Amino acid sequence: MEEKYKALGLLRKTFKILAFIAGGMGVLFFIIILIAGGTPETPRATSLLALALGVIYFLFFYTISEVILLFSDIEENTRRTRELLEKK
């Protein structure tokens, strides 16, 4: 079935891409701070914060993407149910 709300599909894909970018940046900053850190301004423990934030942002953006998909599926199933009931 063709997608009724094309902008929502684009938004869902954008949030999914943002999720992977955020997760990748968290891992990248974790490695960079872990290797290059260790100064009094940026202790190595900061790398764990970068990793935690990357995971949190990944989960946040991915969840938004999946919720948009859920609402889209609910709308499609509701429409299909209505059409089946109207045929009776």
PDB file of N, CA and C in Angstrom:
ATOM      1  N   MET A   1       0.841  -1.178   0.000  1.00  0.00           N
ATOM      2  CA  MET A   1       0.000   0.000   0.000  1.00  0.00           C
ATOM      3  C   MET A   1       0.885   1.241   0.000  1.00  0.00           C
ATOM      4  N   GLU A   2       0.514   2.206  -0.775  1.00  0.00           N
ATOM      5  CA  GLU A   2       1.340   3.411  -0.877  1.00  0.00           C
ATOM      6  C   GLU A   2       1.252   4.239   0.402  1.00  0.00           C
ATOM      7  N   GLU A   3       2.346   4.916   0.690  1.00  0.00           N
ATOM      8  CA  GLU A   3       2.419   5.719   1.903  1.00  0.00           C
ATOM      9  C   GLU A   3       1.573   6.980   1.743  1.00  0.00           C
ATOM     10  N   LYS A   4       0.670   7.206   2.705  1.00  0.00           N
ATOM     11  CA  LYS A   4      -0.251   8.327   2.600  1.00  0.00           C
ATOM     12  C   LYS A   4       0.420   9.634   3.003  1.00  0.00           C
ATOM     13  N   TYR A   5       1.208   9.595   4.057  1.00  0.00           N
ATOM     14  CA  TYR A   5       1.868  10.794   4.571  1.00  0.00           C
ATOM     15  C   TYR A   5       3.360  10.713   4.249  1.00  0.00           C
ATOM     16  N   LYS A   6       3.740  11.262   3.114  1.00  0.00           N
ATOM     17  CA  LYS A   6       5.125  11.170   2.661  1.00  0.00           C
ATOM     18  C   LYS A   6       6.086  11.955   3.556  1.00  0.00           C
ATOM     19  N   ALA A   7       5.623  13.091   4.083  1.00  0.00           N
ATOM     20  CA  ALA A   7       6.483  13.904   4.949  1.00  0.00           C
ATOM     21  C   ALA A   7       6.814  13.157   6.238  1.00  0.00           C
ATOM     22  N   LEU A   8       5.846  12.407   6.766  1.00  0.00           N
ATOM     23  CA  LEU A   8       6.111  11.622   7.970  1.00  0.00           C
ATOM     24  C   LEU A   8       7.125  10.519   7.691  1.00  0.00           C
ATOM     25  N   GLY A   9       7.052   9.928   6.520  1.00  0.00           N
ATOM     26  CA  GLY A   9       8.037   8.906   6.140  1.00  0.00           C
ATOM     27  C   GLY A   9       9.431   9.494   6.067  1.00  0.00           C
ATOM     28  N   LEU A  10       9.526  10.687   5.494  1.00  0.00           N
ATOM     29  CA  LEU A  10      10.824  11.367   5.413  1.00  0.00           C
ATOM     30  C   LEU A  10      11.328  11.729   6.804  1.00  0.00           C
ATOM     31  N   LEU A  11      10.429  12.193   7.648  1.00  0.00           N
ATOM     32  CA  LEU A  11      10.797  12.548   9.009  1.00  0.00           C
ATOM     33  C   LEU A  11      11.261  11.320   9.786  1.00  0.00           C
ATOM     34  N   ARG A  12      10.579  10.196   9.581  1.00  0.00           N
ATOM     35  CA  ARG A  12      10.962   8.953  10.257  1.00  0.00           C
ATOM     36  C   ARG A  12      12.353   8.511   9.830  1.00  0.00           C
ATOM     37  N   LYS A  13      12.630   8.582   8.541  1.00  0.00           N
ATOM     38  CA  LYS A  13      13.955   8.203   8.048  1.00  0.00           C
ATOM     39  C   LYS A  13      15.029   9.163   8.552  1.00  0.00           C
ATOM     40  N   THR A  14      14.685  10.448   8.642  1.00  0.00           N
ATOM     41  CA  THR A  14      15.629  11.438   9.149  1.00  0.00           C
ATOM     42  C   THR A  14      15.979  11.157  10.602  1.00  0.00           C
ATOM     43  N   PHE A  15      14.982  10.836  11.412  1.00  0.00           N
ATOM     44  CA  PHE A  15      15.257  10.524  12.813  1.00  0.00           C
ATOM     45  C   PHE A  15      16.084   9.248  12.948  1.00  0.00           C
ATOM     46  N   LYS A  16      15.854   8.284  12.072  1.00  0.00           N
ATOM     47  CA  LYS A  16      16.633   7.053  12.133  1.00  0.00           C
ATOM     48  C   LYS A  16      18.090   7.328  11.764  1.00  0.00           C
ATOM     49  N   ILE A  17      18.306   8.179  10.765  1.00  0.00           N
ATOM     50  CA  ILE A  17      19.668   8.548  10.382  1.00  0.00           C
ATOM     51  C   ILE A  17      20.337   9.327  11.503  1.00  0.00           C
ATOM     52  N   LEU A  18      19.590  10.262  12.116  1.00  0.00           N
ATOM     53  CA  LEU A  18      20.128  11.021  13.242  1.00  0.00           C
ATOM     54  C   LEU A  18      20.495  10.104  14.403  1.00  0.00           C
ATOM     55  N   ALA A  19      19.718   9.049  14.613  1.00  0.00           N
ATOM     56  CA  ALA A  19      20.016   8.103  15.680  1.00  0.00           C
ATOM     57  C   ALA A  19      21.376   7.451  15.463  1.00  0.00           C
ATOM     58  N   PHE A  20      21.623   6.998  14.245  1.00  0.00           N
ATOM     59  CA  PHE A  20      22.902   6.331  13.982  1.00  0.00           C
ATOM     60  C   PHE A  20      24.068   7.319  13.989  1.00  0.00           C
ATOM     61  N   ILE A  21      23.827   8.542  13.543  1.00  0.00           N
ATOM     62  CA  ILE A  21      24.879   9.560  13.615  1.00  0.00           C
ATOM     63  C   ILE A  21      25.212   9.865  15.068  1.00  0.00           C
ATOM     64  N   ALA A  22      24.198  10.029  15.907  1.00  0.00           N
ATOM     65  CA  ALA A  22      24.422  10.336  17.319  1.00  0.00           C
ATOM     66  C   ALA A  22      25.144   9.190  18.014  1.00  0.00           C
ATOM     67  N   GLY A  23      24.734   7.969  17.737  1.00  0.00           N
ATOM     68  CA  GLY A  23      25.410   6.812  18.330  1.00  0.00           C
ATOM     69  C   GLY A  23      26.853   6.701  17.879  1.00  0.00           C
ATOM     70  N   GLY A  24      27.091   6.929  16.597  1.00  0.00           N
ATOM     71  CA  GLY A  24      28.456   6.880  16.076  1.00  0.00           C
ATOM     72  C   GLY A  24      29.335   7.982  16.636  1.00  0.00           C
ATOM     73  N   MET A  25      28.753   9.169  16.761  1.00  0.00           N
ATOM     74  CA  MET A  25      29.527  10.278  17.332  1.00  0.00           C
ATOM     75  C   MET A  25      29.851  10.015  18.804  1.00  0.00           C
ATOM     76  N   GLY A  26      28.924   9.409  19.536  1.00  0.00           N
ATOM     77  CA  GLY A  26      29.188   9.069  20.931  1.00  0.00           C
ATOM     78  C   GLY A  26      30.341   8.098  21.063  1.00  0.00           C
ATOM     79  N   VAL A  27      30.341   7.069  20.209  1.00  0.00           N
ATOM     80  CA  VAL A  27      31.436   6.099  20.237  1.00  0.00           C
ATOM     81  C   VAL A  27      32.743   6.761  19.803  1.00  0.00           C
ATOM     82  N   LEU A  28      32.673   7.596  18.769  1.00  0.00           N
ATOM     83  CA  LEU A  28      33.878   8.282  18.286  1.00  0.00           C
ATOM     84  C   LEU A  28      34.464   9.196  19.357  1.00  0.00           C
ATOM     85  N   PHE A  29      33.617   9.988  19.995  1.00  0.00           N
ATOM     86  CA  PHE A  29      34.107  10.874  21.056  1.00  0.00           C
ATOM     87  C   PHE A  29      34.619  10.076  22.249  1.00  0.00           C
ATOM     88  N   PHE A  30      33.996   8.930  22.534  1.00  0.00           N
ATOM     89  CA  PHE A  30      34.473   8.060  23.606  1.00  0.00           C
ATOM     90  C   PHE A  30      35.911   7.639  23.335  1.00  0.00           C
ATOM     91  N   ILE A  31      36.170   7.208  22.105  1.00  0.00           N
ATOM     92  CA  ILE A  31      37.522   6.743  21.751  1.00  0.00           C
ATOM     93  C   ILE A  31      38.515   7.904  21.753  1.00  0.00           C
ATOM     94  N   ILE A  32      38.120   9.045  21.183  1.00  0.00           N
ATOM     95  CA  ILE A  32      39.011  10.192  21.122  1.00  0.00           C
ATOM     96  C   ILE A  32      39.374  10.676  22.517  1.00  0.00           C
ATOM     97  N   ILE A  33      38.375  10.826  23.377  1.00  0.00           N
ATOM     98  CA  ILE A  33      38.647  11.323  24.727  1.00  0.00           C
ATOM     99  C   ILE A  33      39.435  10.292  25.524  1.00  0.00           C
ATOM    100  N   LEU A  34      39.150   9.018  25.310  1.00  0.00           N
ATOM    101  CA  LEU A  34      39.867   7.972  26.025  1.00  0.00           C
ATOM    102  C   LEU A  34      41.344   7.958  25.643  1.00  0.00           C
ATOM    103  N   ILE A  35      41.627   8.145  24.367  1.00  0.00           N
ATOM    104  CA  ILE A  35      43.017   8.130  23.901  1.00  0.00           C
ATOM    105  C   ILE A  35      43.716   9.447  24.194  1.00  0.00           C
ATOM    106  N   ALA A  36      43.075  10.555  23.839  1.00  0.00           N
ATOM    107  CA  ALA A  36      43.737  11.862  23.951  1.00  0.00           C
ATOM    108  C   ALA A  36      43.461  12.560  25.272  1.00  0.00           C
ATOM    109  N   GLY A  37      42.531  12.038  26.053  1.00  0.00           N
ATOM    110  CA  GLY A  37      42.167  12.698  27.304  1.00  0.00           C
ATOM    111  C   GLY A  37      43.232  12.494  28.369  1.00  0.00           C
ATOM    112  N   GLY A  38      42.863  12.776  29.592  1.00  0.00           N
ATOM    113  CA  GLY A  38      43.786  12.570  30.685  1.00  0.00           C
ATOM    114  C   GLY A  38      44.366  13.849  31.226  1.00  0.00           C
ATOM    115  N   THR A  39      43.968  14.978  30.691  1.00  0.00           N
ATOM    116  CA  THR A  39      44.435  16.252  31.230  1.00  0.00           C
ATOM    117  C   THR A  39      43.494  16.663  32.353  1.00  0.00           C
ATOM    118  N   PRO A  40      43.886  17.594  33.179  1.00  0.00           N
ATOM    119  CA  PRO A  40      42.976  18.025  34.256  1.00  0.00           C
ATOM    120  C   PRO A  40      41.667  18.615  33.732  1.00  0.00           C
ATOM    121  N   GLU A  41      41.688  19.225  32.541  1.00  0.00           N
ATOM    122  CA  GLU A  41      40.468  19.808  31.991  1.00  0.00           C
ATOM    123  C   GLU A  41      39.507  18.735  31.478  1.00  0.00           C
ATOM    124  N   THR A  42      40.047  17.669  30.906  1.00  0.00           N
ATOM    125  CA  THR A  42      39.214  16.587  30.383  1.00  0.00           C
ATOM    126  C   THR A  42      39.741  15.247  30.895  1.00  0.00           C
ATOM    127  N   PRO A  43      39.302  14.841  32.050  1.00  0.00           N
ATOM    128  CA  PRO A  43      39.756  13.539  32.541  1.00  0.00           C
ATOM    129  C   PRO A  43      39.195  12.404  31.688  1.00  0.00           C
ATOM    130  N   ARG A  44      39.828  11.262  31.773  1.00  0.00           N
ATOM    131  CA  ARG A  44      39.398  10.117  30.963  1.00  0.00           C
ATOM    132  C   ARG A  44      37.986   9.664  31.303  1.00  0.00           C
ATOM    133  N   ALA A  45      37.530   9.946  32.490  1.00  0.00           N
ATOM    134  CA  ALA A  45      36.170   9.564  32.869  1.00  0.00           C
ATOM    135  C   ALA A  45      35.125  10.292  32.024  1.00  0.00           C
ATOM    136  N   THR A  46      35.506  11.410  31.432  1.00  0.00           N
ATOM    137  CA  THR A  46      34.605  12.143  30.555  1.00  0.00           C
ATOM    138  C   THR A  46      34.231  11.304  29.334  1.00  0.00           C
ATOM    139  N   SER A  47      35.115  10.386  28.950  1.00  0.00           N
ATOM    140  CA  SER A  47      34.821   9.535  27.800  1.00  0.00           C
ATOM    141  C   SER A  47      33.576   8.683  28.060  1.00  0.00           C
ATOM    142  N   LEU A  48      33.378   8.262  29.301  1.00  0.00           N
ATOM    143  CA  LEU A  48      32.179   7.490  29.622  1.00  0.00           C
ATOM    144  C   LEU A  48      30.921   8.342  29.477  1.00  0.00           C
ATOM    145  N   LEU A  49      31.029   9.614  29.817  1.00  0.00           N
ATOM    146  CA  LEU A  49      29.899  10.525  29.635  1.00  0.00           C
ATOM    147  C   LEU A  49      29.562  10.678  28.153  1.00  0.00           C
ATOM    148  N   ALA A  50      30.590  10.800  27.328  1.00  0.00           N
ATOM    149  CA  ALA A  50      30.366  10.913  25.882  1.00  0.00           C
ATOM    150  C   ALA A  50      29.689   9.658  25.341  1.00  0.00           C
ATOM    151  N   LEU A  51      30.124   8.490  25.807  1.00  0.00           N
ATOM    152  CA  LEU A  51      29.514   7.239  25.366  1.00  0.00           C
ATOM    153  C   LEU A  51      28.070   7.147  25.845  1.00  0.00           C
ATOM    154  N   ALA A  52      27.810   7.507  27.092  1.00  0.00           N
ATOM    155  CA  ALA A  52      26.457   7.455  27.636  1.00  0.00           C
ATOM    156  C   ALA A  52      25.528   8.402  26.882  1.00  0.00           C
ATOM    157  N   LEU A  53      26.000   9.600  26.592  1.00  0.00           N
ATOM    158  CA  LEU A  53      25.169  10.555  25.849  1.00  0.00           C
ATOM    159  C   LEU A  53      24.895  10.067  24.434  1.00  0.00           C
ATOM    160  N   GLY A  54      25.890   9.453  23.803  1.00  0.00           N
ATOM    161  CA  GLY A  54      25.681   8.893  22.471  1.00  0.00           C
ATOM    162  C   GLY A  54      24.612   7.816  22.477  1.00  0.00           C
ATOM    163  N   VAL A  55      24.647   6.955  23.495  1.00  0.00           N
ATOM    164  CA  VAL A  55      23.639   5.891  23.604  1.00  0.00           C
ATOM    165  C   VAL A  55      22.258   6.482  23.886  1.00  0.00           C
ATOM    166  N   ILE A  56      22.201   7.467  24.783  1.00  0.00           N
ATOM    167  CA  ILE A  56      20.919   8.090  25.113  1.00  0.00           C
ATOM    168  C   ILE A  56      20.315   8.769  23.889  1.00  0.00           C
ATOM    169  N   TYR A  57      21.128   9.526  23.158  1.00  0.00           N
ATOM    170  CA  TYR A  57      20.612  10.190  21.956  1.00  0.00           C
ATOM    171  C   TYR A  57      20.211   9.179  20.890  1.00  0.00           C
ATOM    172  N   PHE A  58      20.986   8.092  20.756  1.00  0.00           N
ATOM    173  CA  PHE A  58      20.622   7.045  19.805  1.00  0.00           C
ATOM    174  C   PHE A  58      19.249   6.485  20.145  1.00  0.00           C
ATOM    175  N   LEU A  59      19.052   6.130  21.416  1.00  0.00           N
ATOM    176  CA  LEU A  59      17.768   5.573  21.836  1.00  0.00           C
ATOM    177  C   LEU A  59      16.633   6.576  21.660  1.00  0.00           C
ATOM    178  N   PHE A  60      16.883   7.836  21.966  1.00  0.00           N
ATOM    179  CA  PHE A  60      15.869   8.880  21.839  1.00  0.00           C
ATOM    180  C   PHE A  60      15.415   9.041  20.392  1.00  0.00           C
ATOM    181  N   PHE A  61      16.363   9.235  19.477  1.00  0.00           N
ATOM    182  CA  PHE A  61      16.008   9.444  18.070  1.00  0.00           C
ATOM    183  C   PHE A  61      15.403   8.188  17.445  1.00  0.00           C
ATOM    184  N   TYR A  62      15.923   7.018  17.799  1.00  0.00           N
ATOM    185  CA  TYR A  62      15.396   5.779  17.241  1.00  0.00           C
ATOM    186  C   TYR A  62      13.972   5.533  17.734  1.00  0.00           C
ATOM    187  N   THR A  63      13.710   5.851  18.999  1.00  0.00           N
ATOM    188  CA  THR A  63      12.371   5.697  19.543  1.00  0.00           C
ATOM    189  C   THR A  63      11.387   6.621  18.842  1.00  0.00           C
ATOM    190  N   ILE A  64      11.791   7.858  18.590  1.00  0.00           N
ATOM    191  CA  ILE A  64      10.916   8.784  17.861  1.00  0.00           C
ATOM    192  C   ILE A  64      10.590   8.220  16.482  1.00  0.00           C
ATOM    193  N   SER A  65      11.587   7.673  15.819  1.00  0.00           N
ATOM    194  CA  SER A  65      11.373   7.085  14.500  1.00  0.00           C
ATOM    195  C   SER A  65      10.377   5.931  14.564  1.00  0.00           C
ATOM    196  N   GLU A  66      10.514   5.076  15.566  1.00  0.00           N
ATOM    197  CA  GLU A  66       9.618   3.931  15.688  1.00  0.00           C
ATOM    198  C   GLU A  66       8.205   4.345  16.103  1.00  0.00           C
ATOM    199  N   VAL A  67       8.067   5.384  16.907  1.00  0.00           N
ATOM    200  CA  VAL A  67       6.743   5.868  17.297  1.00  0.00           C
ATOM    201  C   VAL A  67       6.013   6.444  16.081  1.00  0.00           C
ATOM    202  N   ILE A  68       6.732   7.152  15.235  1.00  0.00           N
ATOM    203  CA  ILE A  68       6.120   7.664  13.999  1.00  0.00           C
ATOM    204  C   ILE A  68       5.649   6.496  13.136  1.00  0.00           C
ATOM    205  N   LEU A  69       6.459   5.444  13.033  1.00  0.00           N
ATOM    206  CA  LEU A  69       6.061   4.261  12.276  1.00  0.00           C
ATOM    207  C   LEU A  69       4.840   3.596  12.910  1.00  0.00           C
ATOM    208  N   LEU A  70       4.809   3.525  14.236  1.00  0.00           N
ATOM    209  CA  LEU A  70       3.670   2.941  14.934  1.00  0.00           C
ATOM    210  C   LEU A  70       2.386   3.705  14.635  1.00  0.00           C
ATOM    211  N   PHE A  71       2.436   5.034  14.728  1.00  0.00           N
ATOM    212  CA  PHE A  71       1.251   5.829  14.430  1.00  0.00           C
ATOM    213  C   PHE A  71       0.812   5.660  12.981  1.00  0.00           C
ATOM    214  N   SER A  72       1.755   5.559  12.084  1.00  0.00           N
ATOM    215  CA  SER A  72       1.437   5.351  10.675  1.00  0.00           C
ATOM    216  C   SER A  72       0.759   3.994  10.476  1.00  0.00           C
ATOM    217  N   ASP A  73       1.264   2.965  11.150  1.00  0.00           N
ATOM    218  CA  ASP A  73       0.653   1.635  11.053  1.00  0.00           C
ATOM    219  C   ASP A  73      -0.743   1.619  11.659  1.00  0.00           C
ATOM    220  N   ILE A  74      -0.924   2.309  12.782  1.00  0.00           N
ATOM    221  CA  ILE A  74      -2.244   2.379  13.405  1.00  0.00           C
ATOM    222  C   ILE A  74      -3.238   3.050  12.462  1.00  0.00           C
ATOM    223  N   GLU A  75      -2.815   4.125  11.833  1.00  0.00           N
ATOM    224  CA  GLU A  75      -3.700   4.826  10.896  1.00  0.00           C
ATOM    225  C   GLU A  75      -4.066   3.928   9.720  1.00  0.00           C
ATOM    226  N   GLU A  76      -3.089   3.207   9.192  1.00  0.00           N
ATOM    227  CA  GLU A  76      -3.345   2.333   8.047  1.00  0.00           C
ATOM    228  C   GLU A  76      -4.288   1.193   8.421  1.00  0.00           C
ATOM    229  N   ASN A  77      -4.072   0.584   9.581  1.00  0.00           N
ATOM    230  CA  ASN A  77      -4.939  -0.512  10.015  1.00  0.00           C
ATOM    231  C   ASN A  77      -6.347  -0.017  10.332  1.00  0.00           C
ATOM    232  N   THR A  78      -6.465   1.176  10.893  1.00  0.00           N
ATOM    233  CA  THR A  78      -7.780   1.747  11.167  1.00  0.00           C
ATOM    234  C   THR A  78      -8.533   2.006   9.872  1.00  0.00           C
ATOM    235  N   ARG A  79      -7.824   2.519   8.889  1.00  0.00           N
ATOM    236  CA  ARG A  79      -8.456   2.776   7.593  1.00  0.00           C
ATOM    237  C   ARG A  79      -8.910   1.468   6.945  1.00  0.00           C
ATOM    238  N   ARG A  80      -8.067   0.435   7.003  1.00  0.00           N
ATOM    239  CA  ARG A  80      -8.421  -0.855   6.434  1.00  0.00           C
ATOM    240  C   ARG A  80      -9.633  -1.475   7.134  1.00  0.00           C
ATOM    241  N   THR A  81      -9.676  -1.349   8.460  1.00  0.00           N
ATOM    242  CA  THR A  81     -10.811  -1.875   9.228  1.00  0.00           C
ATOM    243  C   THR A  81     -12.098  -1.155   8.852  1.00  0.00           C
ATOM    244  N   ARG A  82     -12.023   0.170   8.711  1.00  0.00           N
ATOM    245  CA  ARG A  82     -13.191   0.933   8.320  1.00  0.00           C
ATOM    246  C   ARG A  82     -13.693   0.508   6.940  1.00  0.00           C
ATOM    247  N   GLU A  83     -12.764   0.299   6.007  1.00  0.00           N
ATOM    248  CA  GLU A  83     -13.161  -0.125   4.670  1.00  0.00           C
ATOM    249  C   GLU A  83     -13.810  -1.502   4.686  1.00  0.00           C
ATOM    250  N   LEU A  84     -13.307  -2.399   5.537  1.00  0.00           N
ATOM    251  CA  LEU A  84     -13.900  -3.733   5.632  1.00  0.00           C
ATOM    252  C   LEU A  84     -15.306  -3.661   6.232  1.00  0.00           C
ATOM    253  N   LEU A  85     -15.487  -2.803   7.227  1.00  0.00           N
ATOM    254  CA  LEU A  85     -16.805  -2.657   7.847  1.00  0.00           C
ATOM    255  C   LEU A  85     -17.814  -2.000   6.917  1.00  0.00           C
ATOM    256  N   GLU A  86     -17.346  -1.106   6.064  1.00  0.00           N
ATOM    257  CA  GLU A  86     -18.243  -0.436   5.131  1.00  0.00           C
ATOM    258  C   GLU A  86     -18.712  -1.390   4.037  1.00  0.00           C
ATOM    259  N   LYS A  87     -17.944  -2.439   3.739  1.00  0.00           N
ATOM    260  CA  LYS A  87     -18.325  -3.400   2.714  1.00  0.00           C
ATOM    261  C   LYS A  87     -19.464  -4.303   3.184  1.00  0.00           C
ATOM    262  N   LYS A  88     -19.609  -4.454   4.478  1.00  0.00           N
ATOM    263  CA  LYS A  88     -20.642  -5.359   5.012  1.00  0.00           C
ATOM    264  C   LYS A  88     -22.007  -4.799   4.878  1.00  0.00           C
TER     265      LYS A  88
END
